[in-house]
Protein backbone atom coordinates (compact mmCIF):
# COMPACT_ATOMS: atom_id res chain seq x y z
CA UNK A 1 -9.69 17.58 1.61
CA UNK A 2 -12.22 15.61 3.61
CA UNK A 3 -10.89 12.59 5.45
CA UNK A 4 -13.47 10.28 3.88
CA UNK A 5 -12.47 11.28 0.32
CA UNK A 6 -8.81 10.39 0.82
CA UNK A 7 -6.94 8.39 -1.80
CA UNK A 8 -3.43 7.14 -1.11
CA UNK A 9 -0.63 6.68 -3.62
CA UNK A 10 1.94 3.97 -2.85
CA UNK A 11 5.40 3.94 -4.39
CA UNK A 12 7.74 0.93 -4.38
CA UNK A 13 11.09 1.61 -6.07
CA UNK A 14 13.46 -1.06 -7.35
CA UNK A 15 16.87 -0.66 -8.95
CA UNK A 16 15.32 -0.40 -12.43
CA UNK A 17 11.60 -0.21 -11.73
CA UNK A 18 8.85 1.75 -10.00
CA UNK A 19 5.69 0.01 -8.83
CA UNK A 20 2.77 2.23 -7.88
CA UNK A 21 -0.86 1.97 -6.80
CA UNK A 22 -3.71 4.25 -5.78
CA UNK A 23 -6.05 3.15 -2.99
CA UNK A 24 -9.35 4.61 -1.92
CA UNK A 25 -9.70 4.50 1.86
CA UNK A 26 -13.33 5.34 2.57
CA UNK A 27 -14.50 2.55 4.92
CA UNK A 28 -12.14 -0.10 3.41
CA UNK A 29 -8.78 0.25 1.69
CA UNK A 30 -9.38 -0.74 -1.95
CA UNK A 31 -6.95 -0.66 -4.85
CA UNK A 32 -8.39 1.39 -7.72
CA UNK A 33 -5.29 1.91 -9.86
CA UNK A 34 -1.93 0.18 -10.17
CA UNK A 35 0.99 -0.11 -12.52
CA UNK A 36 4.69 -0.30 -13.06
CA UNK A 37 7.55 1.30 -14.91
CA UNK A 38 10.13 -1.40 -15.56
CA UNK A 39 13.50 -1.72 -17.30
CA UNK A 40 14.39 1.89 -16.53
CA UNK A 41 17.68 2.75 -18.22
CA UNK A 42 17.16 0.23 -21.03
CA UNK A 43 15.99 0.82 -24.59
CA UNK A 44 12.68 -0.95 -24.00
CA UNK A 45 11.32 0.73 -20.86
CA UNK A 46 7.72 -0.37 -20.37
CA UNK A 47 4.94 1.52 -18.58
CA UNK A 48 1.80 -0.38 -17.62
CA UNK A 49 -1.24 0.98 -15.83
CA UNK A 50 -4.46 -0.78 -14.83
CA UNK A 51 -7.74 0.79 -13.72
CA UNK A 52 -9.26 -1.74 -11.32
CA UNK A 53 -12.69 -0.14 -11.52
CA UNK A 54 -13.05 -0.47 -15.29
CA UNK A 55 -10.45 -3.30 -15.63
CA UNK A 56 -8.88 -1.31 -18.48
CA UNK A 57 -5.13 -1.74 -18.98
CA UNK A 58 -2.81 0.48 -20.97
CA UNK A 59 0.78 -0.28 -21.95
CA UNK A 60 3.32 2.18 -23.30
CA UNK A 61 6.77 1.37 -24.67
CA UNK A 62 9.25 4.17 -24.25
CA UNK A 63 12.93 4.92 -23.72
CA UNK A 64 13.84 6.37 -20.34
CA UNK A 65 17.52 6.71 -19.57
CA UNK A 66 17.53 7.76 -15.91
CA UNK A 67 15.52 7.22 -12.76
CA UNK A 68 14.82 10.96 -12.48
CA UNK A 69 13.39 10.93 -15.97
CA UNK A 70 11.28 7.89 -15.07
CA UNK A 71 9.88 9.60 -11.96
CA UNK A 72 8.92 12.67 -14.00
CA UNK A 73 7.24 10.44 -16.58
CA UNK A 74 5.27 8.70 -13.83
CA UNK A 75 4.11 12.00 -12.33
CA UNK A 76 2.91 13.15 -15.77
CA UNK A 77 0.94 9.92 -16.25
CA UNK A 78 -0.58 10.07 -12.76
CA UNK A 79 -1.79 13.64 -13.29
CA UNK A 80 -3.97 12.35 -16.12
CA UNK A 81 -5.78 9.94 -13.79
CA UNK A 82 -8.98 11.27 -12.21
CA UNK A 83 -8.39 9.35 -8.96
CA UNK A 84 -5.08 11.15 -8.46
CA UNK A 85 -6.96 14.40 -7.80
CA UNK A 86 -8.12 12.95 -4.48
CA UNK A 87 -4.70 11.69 -3.35
CA UNK A 88 -3.98 13.13 0.09
CA UNK A 89 -0.73 11.39 0.89
CA UNK A 90 1.99 9.20 -0.59
CA UNK A 91 3.36 6.10 1.08
CA UNK A 92 6.89 5.05 0.12
CA UNK A 93 8.63 1.74 0.67
CA UNK A 94 12.03 2.70 2.06
CA UNK A 95 14.57 -0.11 2.12
CA UNK A 96 16.59 1.16 5.10
CA UNK A 97 15.02 2.36 8.32
CA UNK A 98 18.04 1.82 10.58
CA UNK A 99 16.53 1.99 14.09
CA UNK A 100 13.10 3.27 12.99
CA UNK A 101 10.45 0.85 14.19
CA UNK A 102 7.31 2.42 12.72
CA UNK A 103 6.21 4.30 9.58
CA UNK A 104 7.05 8.00 9.79
CA UNK A 105 6.14 11.27 8.10
CA UNK A 106 8.97 12.31 5.79
CA UNK A 107 10.43 15.64 6.81
CA UNK A 108 13.74 17.38 6.12
CA UNK A 109 15.39 15.65 9.09
CA UNK A 110 14.43 12.14 7.94
CA UNK A 111 15.42 12.93 4.35
CA UNK A 112 18.85 14.12 5.55
CA UNK A 113 19.22 10.89 7.55
CA UNK A 114 18.42 8.78 4.47
CA UNK A 115 20.96 10.72 2.38
CA UNK A 116 23.69 9.87 4.91
CA UNK A 117 23.13 6.12 4.50
CA UNK A 118 22.39 5.95 0.76
CA UNK A 119 25.75 4.25 0.07
CA UNK A 120 24.54 1.22 2.07
CA UNK A 121 22.23 0.35 -0.79
CA UNK A 122 23.08 2.23 -4.01
CA UNK A 123 20.52 0.17 -5.95
CA UNK A 124 17.49 1.40 -3.97
CA UNK A 125 18.03 4.31 -1.58
CA UNK A 126 19.21 6.98 -4.07
CA UNK A 127 16.17 6.24 -6.27
CA UNK A 128 13.81 6.38 -3.28
CA UNK A 129 15.26 9.72 -2.17
CA UNK A 130 15.03 11.10 -5.72
CA UNK A 131 11.36 10.30 -6.13
CA UNK A 132 10.49 11.74 -2.69
CA UNK A 133 12.18 15.02 -3.65
CA UNK A 134 10.40 15.17 -7.02
CA UNK A 135 6.96 14.60 -5.51
CA UNK A 136 7.73 17.19 -2.83
CA UNK A 137 8.63 19.73 -5.52
CA UNK A 138 5.54 18.96 -7.64
CA UNK A 139 3.07 18.54 -4.76
CA UNK A 140 4.44 20.39 -1.70
CA UNK A 141 1.18 20.06 0.28
CA UNK A 142 0.97 16.25 -0.01
CA UNK A 143 1.98 14.33 3.09
CA UNK A 144 4.72 11.78 2.31
CA UNK A 145 5.19 8.78 4.56
CA UNK A 146 8.10 6.33 4.85
CA UNK A 147 7.43 2.64 5.49
CA UNK A 148 10.69 0.94 6.36
CA UNK A 149 11.56 -2.54 5.12
CA UNK A 150 13.97 -3.08 8.00
CA UNK A 151 11.57 -2.20 10.82
CA UNK A 152 10.13 -5.72 11.14
CA UNK A 153 13.57 -7.00 12.16
CA UNK A 154 14.41 -4.38 14.83
CA UNK A 155 13.18 -6.94 17.39
CA UNK A 156 16.05 -9.34 16.61
CA UNK A 157 18.32 -10.04 19.59
CA UNK A 158 21.76 -8.43 19.56
CA UNK A 159 23.47 -11.73 18.75
CA UNK A 160 21.56 -11.94 15.46
CA UNK A 161 22.62 -8.42 14.47
CA UNK A 162 26.34 -8.50 15.26
CA UNK A 163 28.89 -8.72 12.45
CA UNK A 164 32.30 -10.13 13.47
CA UNK A 165 34.33 -7.11 12.37
CA UNK A 166 36.07 -4.36 14.44
CA UNK A 167 33.65 -2.59 16.81
CA UNK A 168 34.29 0.79 15.20
CA UNK A 169 32.19 -0.34 12.24
CA UNK A 170 29.28 -1.24 14.50
CA UNK A 171 29.39 2.30 15.91
CA UNK A 172 28.94 3.52 12.33
CA UNK A 173 25.78 1.39 12.00
CA UNK A 174 27.31 -1.59 10.20
CA UNK A 175 25.32 -4.63 11.34
CA UNK A 176 22.66 -7.07 10.13
CA UNK A 177 19.35 -5.32 9.47
CA UNK A 178 17.28 -7.73 7.37
CA UNK A 179 14.75 -6.81 4.68
CA UNK A 180 11.39 -7.83 3.14
CA UNK A 181 9.88 -6.47 6.36
CA UNK A 182 6.72 -5.09 4.72
CA UNK A 183 6.08 -8.50 3.16
CA UNK A 184 6.63 -10.24 6.50
CA UNK A 185 4.29 -7.80 8.22
CA UNK A 186 1.58 -8.71 5.72
CA UNK A 187 2.16 -12.46 6.07
CA UNK A 188 1.89 -12.26 9.85
CA UNK A 189 -1.39 -10.35 9.56
CA UNK A 190 -2.75 -13.02 7.20
CA UNK A 191 -1.60 -15.81 9.52
CA UNK A 192 -3.64 -14.28 12.34
CA UNK A 193 -6.72 -14.56 10.12
CA UNK A 194 -6.24 -18.26 9.30
CA UNK A 195 -4.54 -19.55 12.46
CA UNK A 196 -5.74 -17.14 15.13
CA UNK A 197 -3.67 -14.91 17.41
CA UNK A 198 -2.46 -17.67 19.74
CA UNK A 199 -1.02 -19.97 17.05
CA UNK A 200 0.42 -17.00 15.11
CA UNK A 201 2.61 -16.38 18.16
CA UNK A 202 4.20 -19.81 17.81
CA UNK A 203 7.43 -20.86 16.10
CA UNK A 204 7.17 -19.62 12.52
CA UNK A 205 9.45 -19.47 9.49
CA UNK A 206 8.46 -17.07 6.71
CA UNK A 207 10.02 -17.67 3.28
CA UNK A 208 9.80 -14.75 0.85
CA UNK A 209 11.17 -16.41 -2.27
CA UNK A 210 11.39 -14.36 -5.44
CA UNK A 211 14.05 -12.65 -7.53
CA UNK A 212 15.08 -11.32 -4.14
CA UNK A 213 14.79 -14.04 -1.49
CA UNK A 214 15.03 -14.23 2.27
CA UNK A 215 13.76 -16.16 5.28
CA UNK A 216 12.71 -14.88 8.69
CA UNK A 217 12.43 -16.77 11.97
CA UNK A 218 9.53 -15.46 14.07
CA UNK A 219 8.67 -16.26 17.68
CA UNK A 220 5.95 -14.66 19.81
CA UNK A 221 5.07 -12.61 16.72
CA UNK A 222 8.54 -11.03 16.56
CA UNK A 223 11.48 -11.49 14.21
CA UNK A 224 14.38 -13.26 15.94
CA UNK A 225 16.57 -13.87 12.87
CA UNK A 226 16.61 -13.34 9.11
CA UNK A 227 18.86 -14.35 6.24
CA UNK A 228 19.64 -10.98 4.66
CA UNK A 229 22.24 -8.86 6.44
CA UNK A 230 23.62 -5.34 6.08
CA UNK A 231 22.28 -5.21 2.53
CA UNK A 232 19.71 -7.15 0.47
CA UNK A 233 22.60 -8.93 -1.26
CA UNK A 234 23.24 -11.20 1.74
CA UNK A 235 21.74 -14.55 2.69
CA UNK A 236 20.29 -16.95 0.12
CA UNK A 237 21.34 -17.21 -3.52
CA UNK A 238 18.89 -15.08 -5.53
CA UNK A 239 18.02 -14.23 -9.12
CA UNK A 240 21.06 -12.05 -9.76
CA UNK A 241 22.49 -11.62 -6.23
CA UNK A 242 25.14 -13.84 -4.68
CA UNK A 243 23.72 -14.18 -1.21
CA UNK A 244 26.37 -14.83 1.45
CA UNK A 245 29.86 -14.83 -0.04
CA UNK A 246 33.26 -15.75 1.35
CA UNK A 247 35.14 -12.42 1.89
CA UNK A 248 38.14 -14.04 0.23
CA UNK A 249 36.23 -14.05 -3.06
CA UNK A 250 35.90 -10.26 -2.80
CA UNK A 251 39.65 -9.98 -2.12
CA UNK A 252 40.46 -12.14 -5.14
CA UNK A 253 38.17 -10.22 -7.49
CA UNK A 254 39.34 -6.81 -6.32
CA UNK A 255 43.05 -7.69 -6.44
CA UNK A 256 43.49 -10.25 -9.21
CA UNK A 257 40.84 -8.84 -11.53
CA UNK A 258 41.81 -5.24 -10.74
CA UNK A 259 38.12 -4.63 -10.13
CA UNK A 260 36.77 -1.37 -8.73
CA UNK A 261 34.41 -1.41 -5.74
CA UNK A 262 31.62 -0.13 -8.01
CA UNK A 263 32.15 -2.97 -10.49
CA UNK A 264 32.26 -5.52 -7.68
CA UNK A 265 28.96 -4.22 -6.30
CA UNK A 266 27.40 -4.48 -9.75
CA UNK A 267 28.58 -8.08 -10.20
CA UNK A 268 27.32 -9.35 -6.84
CA UNK A 269 23.93 -7.66 -7.30
CA UNK A 270 23.24 -7.92 -11.04
CA UNK A 271 25.46 -10.61 -12.61
CA UNK A 272 25.48 -13.35 -9.99
CA UNK A 273 23.02 -15.73 -8.33
CA UNK A 274 20.88 -18.06 -10.45
CA UNK A 275 21.84 -16.13 -13.57
CA UNK A 276 25.55 -16.75 -13.01
CA UNK A 277 25.22 -20.42 -12.04
CA UNK A 278 22.85 -21.30 -14.88
CA UNK A 279 24.44 -18.93 -17.43
CA UNK A 280 21.02 -18.61 -19.09
CA UNK A 281 18.44 -16.97 -16.82
CA UNK A 282 17.66 -15.48 -13.43
CA UNK A 283 14.03 -16.60 -13.72
CA UNK A 284 13.12 -19.77 -11.83
CA UNK A 285 10.35 -20.73 -14.26
CA UNK A 286 12.86 -20.61 -17.15
CA UNK A 287 15.29 -22.77 -15.19
CA UNK A 288 12.64 -25.35 -14.28
CA UNK A 289 11.71 -25.70 -17.96
CA UNK A 290 15.33 -26.25 -18.99
CA UNK A 291 16.78 -28.23 -16.09
CA UNK A 292 16.17 -31.62 -17.78
CA UNK A 293 18.33 -30.64 -20.76
CA UNK A 294 20.76 -28.13 -19.23
CA UNK A 295 23.06 -29.23 -16.40
CA UNK A 296 23.79 -25.66 -15.31
CA UNK A 297 20.09 -24.82 -15.08
CA UNK A 298 19.62 -27.95 -12.96
CA UNK A 299 22.52 -26.95 -10.69
CA UNK A 300 21.03 -23.48 -10.18
CA UNK A 301 17.66 -24.93 -9.14
CA UNK A 302 19.30 -27.48 -6.84
CA UNK A 303 21.50 -24.82 -5.22
CA UNK A 304 18.49 -22.59 -4.52
CA UNK A 305 16.47 -25.39 -2.92
CA UNK A 306 19.50 -26.60 -0.95
CA UNK A 307 20.19 -23.16 0.53
CA UNK A 308 16.54 -22.56 1.48
CA UNK A 309 16.35 -26.03 3.08
CA UNK A 310 19.57 -25.38 5.01
CA UNK A 311 18.25 -22.05 6.27
CA UNK A 312 14.95 -23.60 7.40
CA UNK A 313 16.92 -26.20 9.36
CA UNK A 314 19.06 -23.51 10.99
CA UNK A 315 16.03 -21.43 11.97
CA UNK A 316 14.22 -24.47 13.34
CA UNK A 317 17.22 -24.82 15.64
CA UNK A 318 17.02 -21.13 16.61
CA UNK A 319 13.29 -21.49 17.33
CA UNK A 320 13.71 -24.85 19.11
CA UNK A 321 11.23 -26.45 16.73
CA UNK A 322 8.73 -25.35 14.12
CA UNK A 323 4.96 -24.92 14.08
CA UNK A 324 4.27 -23.03 10.85
CA UNK A 325 6.13 -22.59 7.54
CA UNK A 326 4.92 -19.97 5.05
CA UNK A 327 5.93 -19.68 1.39
CA UNK A 328 5.48 -16.37 -0.39
CA UNK A 329 7.04 -14.22 -3.15
CA UNK A 330 7.05 -14.96 -6.88
CA UNK A 331 8.74 -18.37 -6.52
CA UNK A 332 7.20 -19.26 -3.17
CA UNK A 333 3.67 -18.58 -4.44
CA UNK A 334 3.92 -20.04 -7.95
CA UNK A 335 6.47 -22.88 -8.05
CA UNK A 336 5.03 -26.11 -6.57
CA UNK A 337 8.12 -28.07 -7.65
CA UNK A 338 10.39 -25.79 -5.63
CA UNK A 339 8.19 -25.98 -2.51
CA UNK A 340 8.07 -29.77 -2.81
CA UNK A 341 11.85 -30.14 -3.12
CA UNK A 342 12.50 -27.78 -0.22
CA UNK A 343 10.13 -29.69 2.08
CA UNK A 344 11.45 -33.17 1.25
CA UNK A 345 13.82 -34.64 3.82
CA UNK A 346 12.34 -32.81 6.79
CA UNK A 347 11.19 -35.99 8.50
CA UNK A 348 12.78 -34.88 11.77
CA UNK A 349 10.54 -31.78 11.72
CA UNK A 350 7.54 -33.91 10.72
CA UNK A 351 6.78 -31.79 7.64
CA UNK A 352 4.54 -33.59 5.17
CA UNK A 353 3.26 -31.98 1.98
CA UNK A 354 -0.03 -32.81 0.24
CA UNK A 355 1.22 -32.83 -3.35
CA UNK A 356 -2.27 -32.45 -4.78
CA UNK A 357 -2.90 -29.27 -2.78
CA UNK A 358 0.63 -28.10 -3.47
CA UNK A 359 0.18 -28.47 -7.24
CA UNK A 360 -2.73 -25.99 -7.16
CA UNK A 361 -0.94 -23.42 -4.98
CA UNK A 362 -3.59 -23.96 -2.29
CA UNK A 363 -3.52 -21.93 0.92
CA UNK A 364 -2.71 -24.95 3.10
CA UNK A 365 -0.44 -27.51 1.42
CA UNK A 366 0.53 -29.71 4.39
CA UNK A 367 -1.26 -32.99 5.14
CA UNK A 368 -3.46 -33.56 8.20
CA UNK A 369 -0.68 -35.75 9.63
CA UNK A 370 1.95 -33.02 9.29
CA UNK A 371 2.98 -31.54 12.62
CA UNK A 372 4.02 -28.36 10.82
CA UNK A 373 1.34 -26.32 9.05
CA UNK A 374 2.67 -25.27 5.63
CA UNK A 375 0.98 -22.32 3.93
CA UNK A 376 1.23 -20.54 0.58
CA UNK A 377 0.24 -16.90 1.08
CA UNK A 378 0.53 -14.32 -1.72
CA UNK A 379 2.19 -11.24 -0.26
CA UNK A 380 1.03 -7.64 -0.63
CA UNK A 381 3.54 -5.00 0.43
CA UNK A 382 1.50 -2.18 -1.11
CA UNK A 383 -1.55 -2.71 1.13
CA UNK A 384 0.73 -2.51 4.18
CA UNK A 385 2.10 0.81 2.88
CA UNK A 386 -1.42 2.10 2.11
CA UNK A 387 -2.83 1.19 5.53
CA UNK A 388 0.20 2.64 7.33
CA UNK A 389 -0.10 5.87 5.35
CA UNK A 390 -3.85 6.00 6.02
CA UNK A 391 -3.31 5.66 9.77
CA UNK A 392 -0.66 8.38 9.92
CA UNK A 393 -2.68 10.70 7.68
CA UNK A 394 -5.76 10.30 9.86
CA UNK A 395 -3.68 11.03 12.97
CA UNK A 396 -2.40 14.24 11.36
CA UNK A 397 -5.93 15.12 10.24
CA UNK A 398 -7.17 14.68 13.82
CA UNK A 399 -4.33 16.81 15.24
CA UNK A 400 -5.09 19.56 12.74
CA UNK A 401 -8.81 19.42 13.60
CA UNK A 402 -8.17 19.64 17.35
CA UNK A 403 -5.64 22.44 16.91
CA UNK A 404 -8.05 24.43 14.71
CA UNK A 405 -10.86 23.89 17.24
CA UNK A 406 -8.61 25.06 20.10
CA UNK A 407 -7.62 28.23 18.23
CA UNK A 408 -11.27 29.09 17.60
């Protein structure tokens, strides 16, 4: 395959979904196909695919009981797409990268390493490993590349990573890692475009607020703290995840409720958060519509805003001030009311929101008087994966070319 004809497939696995996209990389990296398989394991699994060249969209309702079955279904659908014939490599979002700081080519050694830590995140890692193995079996010549969600936070100081438990656990790799790293990488790249390289090295808080939510404190362009911990269940209250939880609650549930560890993990990841507090929905838009008539919906919204506000205050202390605040993610990008409530009461940080700009989800929503620039930047994890895969593929292509030339 010629380097200039390369297409890249990106794969982003969730606990019950697979997002995918195909990018052409000649000159610029452009998305030409994208889609999603969602509600895997339910009776109403939905497959959606969009051709960005023709703007044609197709939706298929099906019943897929397992992730392996879903991956096979996806491969079958991709084979029918003309652009897939030119795919030269696959970029995967991998939740855990441990100490890996950069994207890497997936080989047997890396796959074995991921298998050893899959119990850290049973909702993501096993699915990611499964789909890598299936693509390797179906397309053994395709280069597969891992882009680690934790790599952005490897720059955190030791004090931000330590968990106050016996040291033997730290030796086993139990510490705070942080997540949403691909999203934060993208947001920092976008900040450089609008603020310039000098200002983007200032004191920055990035807020990725969606069904999964976290904040990151960034200084000199590097992560110095983040709200998620050993797993994506830590930190802020989320759609169905608890966020930080008193360990005594775990003790109570395991002992008094006679709950298994597996059941406990399911509850804190899939039955808690905004869904549990509101008792009606994990979706912020649903809760905003119902908060005036439902006290529990109102409490869920208030709790979310309160925790984000508290985290911003803590990170402003860590950074010794604040220059830039960025909102992103499904809630951060599309919920003006949430952004407004979070930013109220930050007089001591001199944050002032322009409500007119905020109501339209404008790029810059702070006033001219505000000492903190407040941005709304839609995130794009897939383009980070695609560009990382492109760079590694081209490096391998160059090595192969030089090796072939040397042999001749």
